[in-house]
């Protein structure tokens, strides 16, 4: 039995293969910054909008990417003490854990 997610994926890839001008997910990803910054022309923006309507994975990616950019911008514009207070604890823990792993691999 085919799942709804798998069916969407198959339809998306069928459309990409048969309709010229549609974006692949890789192409979408390369346009995300320009899309968010409003740097795309009307045709390119409409193409990205259409891709997001047909690809829920890329729509979720864009939503998450915007949140990360906003968090980074807020963090960089705030004084250091405020920035550290506004950082989610789980993010700080993940960064410190990754740093510790990296430091351990260099000493080995």
C-alpha atoms as a PDB file:
ATOM      1  CA  UNK A   1       0.000   0.000   0.000  1.00  0.00           C
ATOM      2  CA  UNK A   2       1.311   3.413  -0.930  1.00  0.00           C
ATOM      3  CA  UNK A   3       1.360   6.078   1.774  1.00  0.00           C
ATOM      4  CA  UNK A   4       0.058   9.585   1.267  1.00  0.00           C
ATOM      5  CA  UNK A   5       3.581  10.971   1.672  1.00  0.00           C
ATOM      6  CA  UNK A   6       4.984   8.609  -0.935  1.00  0.00           C
ATOM      7  CA  UNK A   7       2.155   9.457  -3.322  1.00  0.00           C
ATOM      8  CA  UNK A   8       2.867  13.190  -2.971  1.00  0.00           C
ATOM      9  CA  UNK A   9       6.537  12.571  -3.642  1.00  0.00           C
ATOM     10  CA  UNK A  10       5.724  10.548  -6.758  1.00  0.00           C
ATOM     11  CA  UNK A  11       3.341  13.211  -8.073  1.00  0.00           C
ATOM     12  CA  UNK A  12       5.887  15.967  -7.418  1.00  0.00           C
ATOM     13  CA  UNK A  13       8.623  14.133  -9.288  1.00  0.00           C
ATOM     14  CA  UNK A  14       6.252  13.217 -12.114  1.00  0.00           C
ATOM     15  CA  UNK A  15       5.353  16.903 -12.499  1.00  0.00           C
ATOM     16  CA  UNK A  16       9.002  17.978 -12.398  1.00  0.00           C
ATOM     17  CA  UNK A  17       9.881  15.512 -15.141  1.00  0.00           C
ATOM     18  CA  UNK A  18       7.035  16.465 -17.464  1.00  0.00           C
ATOM     19  CA  UNK A  19       6.439  20.184 -17.010  1.00  0.00           C
ATOM     20  CA  UNK A  20       9.273  22.504 -17.997  1.00  0.00           C
ATOM     21  CA  UNK A  21       9.979  25.354 -15.642  1.00  0.00           C
ATOM     22  CA  UNK A  22       9.194  23.501 -12.437  1.00  0.00           C
ATOM     23  CA  UNK A  23      11.797  23.486  -9.722  1.00  0.00           C
ATOM     24  CA  UNK A  24      13.444  20.478  -8.195  1.00  0.00           C
ATOM     25  CA  UNK A  25      13.913  20.496  -4.440  1.00  0.00           C
ATOM     26  CA  UNK A  26      17.634  21.209  -4.948  1.00  0.00           C
ATOM     27  CA  UNK A  27      16.860  24.211  -7.122  1.00  0.00           C
ATOM     28  CA  UNK A  28      14.323  25.406  -4.569  1.00  0.00           C
ATOM     29  CA  UNK A  29      16.921  25.184  -1.822  1.00  0.00           C
ATOM     30  CA  UNK A  30      19.356  27.330  -3.815  1.00  0.00           C
ATOM     31  CA  UNK A  31      16.695  30.061  -4.173  1.00  0.00           C
ATOM     32  CA  UNK A  32      15.533  30.205  -0.555  1.00  0.00           C
ATOM     33  CA  UNK A  33      17.690  33.168   0.505  1.00  0.00           C
ATOM     34  CA  UNK A  34      16.706  35.253  -2.518  1.00  0.00           C
ATOM     35  CA  UNK A  35      13.049  34.306  -1.979  1.00  0.00           C
ATOM     36  CA  UNK A  36      13.060  35.373   1.673  1.00  0.00           C
ATOM     37  CA  UNK A  37      14.932  38.597   0.871  1.00  0.00           C
ATOM     38  CA  UNK A  38      12.460  39.464  -1.915  1.00  0.00           C
ATOM     39  CA  UNK A  39      15.182  39.436  -4.573  1.00  0.00           C
ATOM     40  CA  UNK A  40      13.384  37.173  -7.068  1.00  0.00           C
ATOM     41  CA  UNK A  41      11.517  38.511 -10.064  1.00  0.00           C
ATOM     42  CA  UNK A  42       7.801  37.823 -10.440  1.00  0.00           C
ATOM     43  CA  UNK A  43       8.201  34.716 -12.610  1.00  0.00           C
ATOM     44  CA  UNK A  44      10.847  33.134 -10.363  1.00  0.00           C
ATOM     45  CA  UNK A  45       8.815  33.974  -7.262  1.00  0.00           C
ATOM     46  CA  UNK A  46       5.686  32.396  -8.784  1.00  0.00           C
ATOM     47  CA  UNK A  47       7.722  29.284  -9.650  1.00  0.00           C
ATOM     48  CA  UNK A  48       8.979  29.008  -6.062  1.00  0.00           C
ATOM     49  CA  UNK A  49       5.433  29.575  -4.739  1.00  0.00           C
ATOM     50  CA  UNK A  50       4.112  26.792  -6.975  1.00  0.00           C
ATOM     51  CA  UNK A  51       6.845  24.435  -5.809  1.00  0.00           C
ATOM     52  CA  UNK A  52       5.931  25.106  -2.186  1.00  0.00           C
ATOM     53  CA  UNK A  53       2.252  24.378  -2.906  1.00  0.00           C
ATOM     54  CA  UNK A  54       3.171  21.002  -4.366  1.00  0.00           C
ATOM     55  CA  UNK A  55       6.036  20.051  -2.029  1.00  0.00           C
ATOM     56  CA  UNK A  56       5.263  20.072   1.705  1.00  0.00           C
ATOM     57  CA  UNK A  57       8.856  19.090   2.513  1.00  0.00           C
ATOM     58  CA  UNK A  58      10.191  22.304   0.965  1.00  0.00           C
ATOM     59  CA  UNK A  59       7.460  24.344   2.639  1.00  0.00           C
ATOM     60  CA  UNK A  60       8.557  22.979   6.032  1.00  0.00           C
ATOM     61  CA  UNK A  61      12.189  23.644   5.064  1.00  0.00           C
ATOM     62  CA  UNK A  62      11.385  27.287   4.259  1.00  0.00           C
ATOM     63  CA  UNK A  63       9.502  27.737   7.527  1.00  0.00           C
ATOM     64  CA  UNK A  64      12.384  26.299   9.558  1.00  0.00           C
ATOM     65  CA  UNK A  65      14.970  28.267   7.564  1.00  0.00           C
ATOM     66  CA  UNK A  66      13.118  31.530   8.252  1.00  0.00           C
ATOM     67  CA  UNK A  67      13.032  30.766  11.976  1.00  0.00           C
ATOM     68  CA  UNK A  68      16.773  30.073  12.026  1.00  0.00           C
ATOM     69  CA  UNK A  69      17.538  33.294  10.114  1.00  0.00           C
ATOM     70  CA  UNK A  70      15.323  35.313  12.442  1.00  0.00           C
ATOM     71  CA  UNK A  71      16.916  33.780  15.527  1.00  0.00           C
ATOM     72  CA  UNK A  72      20.411  34.456  14.174  1.00  0.00           C
ATOM     73  CA  UNK A  73      19.512  38.054  13.283  1.00  0.00           C
ATOM     74  CA  UNK A  74      18.001  38.656  16.729  1.00  0.00           C
ATOM     75  CA  UNK A  75      21.006  37.105  18.409  1.00  0.00           C
ATOM     76  CA  UNK A  76      23.507  39.144  16.410  1.00  0.00           C
ATOM     77  CA  UNK A  77      21.675  42.418  16.957  1.00  0.00           C
ATOM     78  CA  UNK A  78      21.236  41.985  20.727  1.00  0.00           C
ATOM     79  CA  UNK A  79      23.912  42.695  23.311  1.00  0.00           C
ATOM     80  CA  UNK A  80      25.807  39.535  24.268  1.00  0.00           C
ATOM     81  CA  UNK A  81      24.110  39.060  27.642  1.00  0.00           C
ATOM     82  CA  UNK A  82      20.631  39.369  26.113  1.00  0.00           C
ATOM     83  CA  UNK A  83      21.577  37.082  23.250  1.00  0.00           C
ATOM     84  CA  UNK A  84      22.736  34.357  25.609  1.00  0.00           C
ATOM     85  CA  UNK A  85      19.533  34.622  27.635  1.00  0.00           C
ATOM     86  CA  UNK A  86      17.347  34.316  24.529  1.00  0.00           C
ATOM     87  CA  UNK A  87      19.104  31.204  23.200  1.00  0.00           C
ATOM     88  CA  UNK A  88      17.093  28.009  23.792  1.00  0.00           C
ATOM     89  CA  UNK A  89      18.812  25.762  26.330  1.00  0.00           C
ATOM     90  CA  UNK A  90      18.622  22.685  24.079  1.00  0.00           C
ATOM     91  CA  UNK A  91      20.378  24.601  21.289  1.00  0.00           C
ATOM     92  CA  UNK A  92      23.188  25.674  23.621  1.00  0.00           C
ATOM     93  CA  UNK A  93      23.534  22.090  24.886  1.00  0.00           C
ATOM     94  CA  UNK A  94      23.696  20.729  21.319  1.00  0.00           C
ATOM     95  CA  UNK A  95      26.357  23.261  20.313  1.00  0.00           C
ATOM     96  CA  UNK A  96      28.476  22.493  23.374  1.00  0.00           C
ATOM     97  CA  UNK A  97      28.104  18.735  22.817  1.00  0.00           C
ATOM     98  CA  UNK A  98      29.164  19.081  19.177  1.00  0.00           C
ATOM     99  CA  UNK A  99      32.133  21.204  20.217  1.00  0.00           C
ATOM    100  CA  UNK A 100      33.186  18.593  22.773  1.00  0.00           C
ATOM    101  CA  UNK A 101      32.926  15.794  20.196  1.00  0.00           C
ATOM    102  CA  UNK A 102      34.986  17.818  17.713  1.00  0.00           C
ATOM    103  CA  UNK A 103      37.640  18.570  20.331  1.00  0.00           C
ATOM    104  CA  UNK A 104      37.786  14.872  21.304  1.00  0.00           C
ATOM    105  CA  UNK A 105      38.277  13.767  17.704  1.00  0.00           C
ATOM    106  CA  UNK A 106      41.195  16.171  17.232  1.00  0.00           C
ATOM    107  CA  UNK A 107      43.082  14.852  20.254  1.00  0.00           C
ATOM    108  CA  UNK A 108      42.693  11.211  19.227  1.00  0.00           C
END
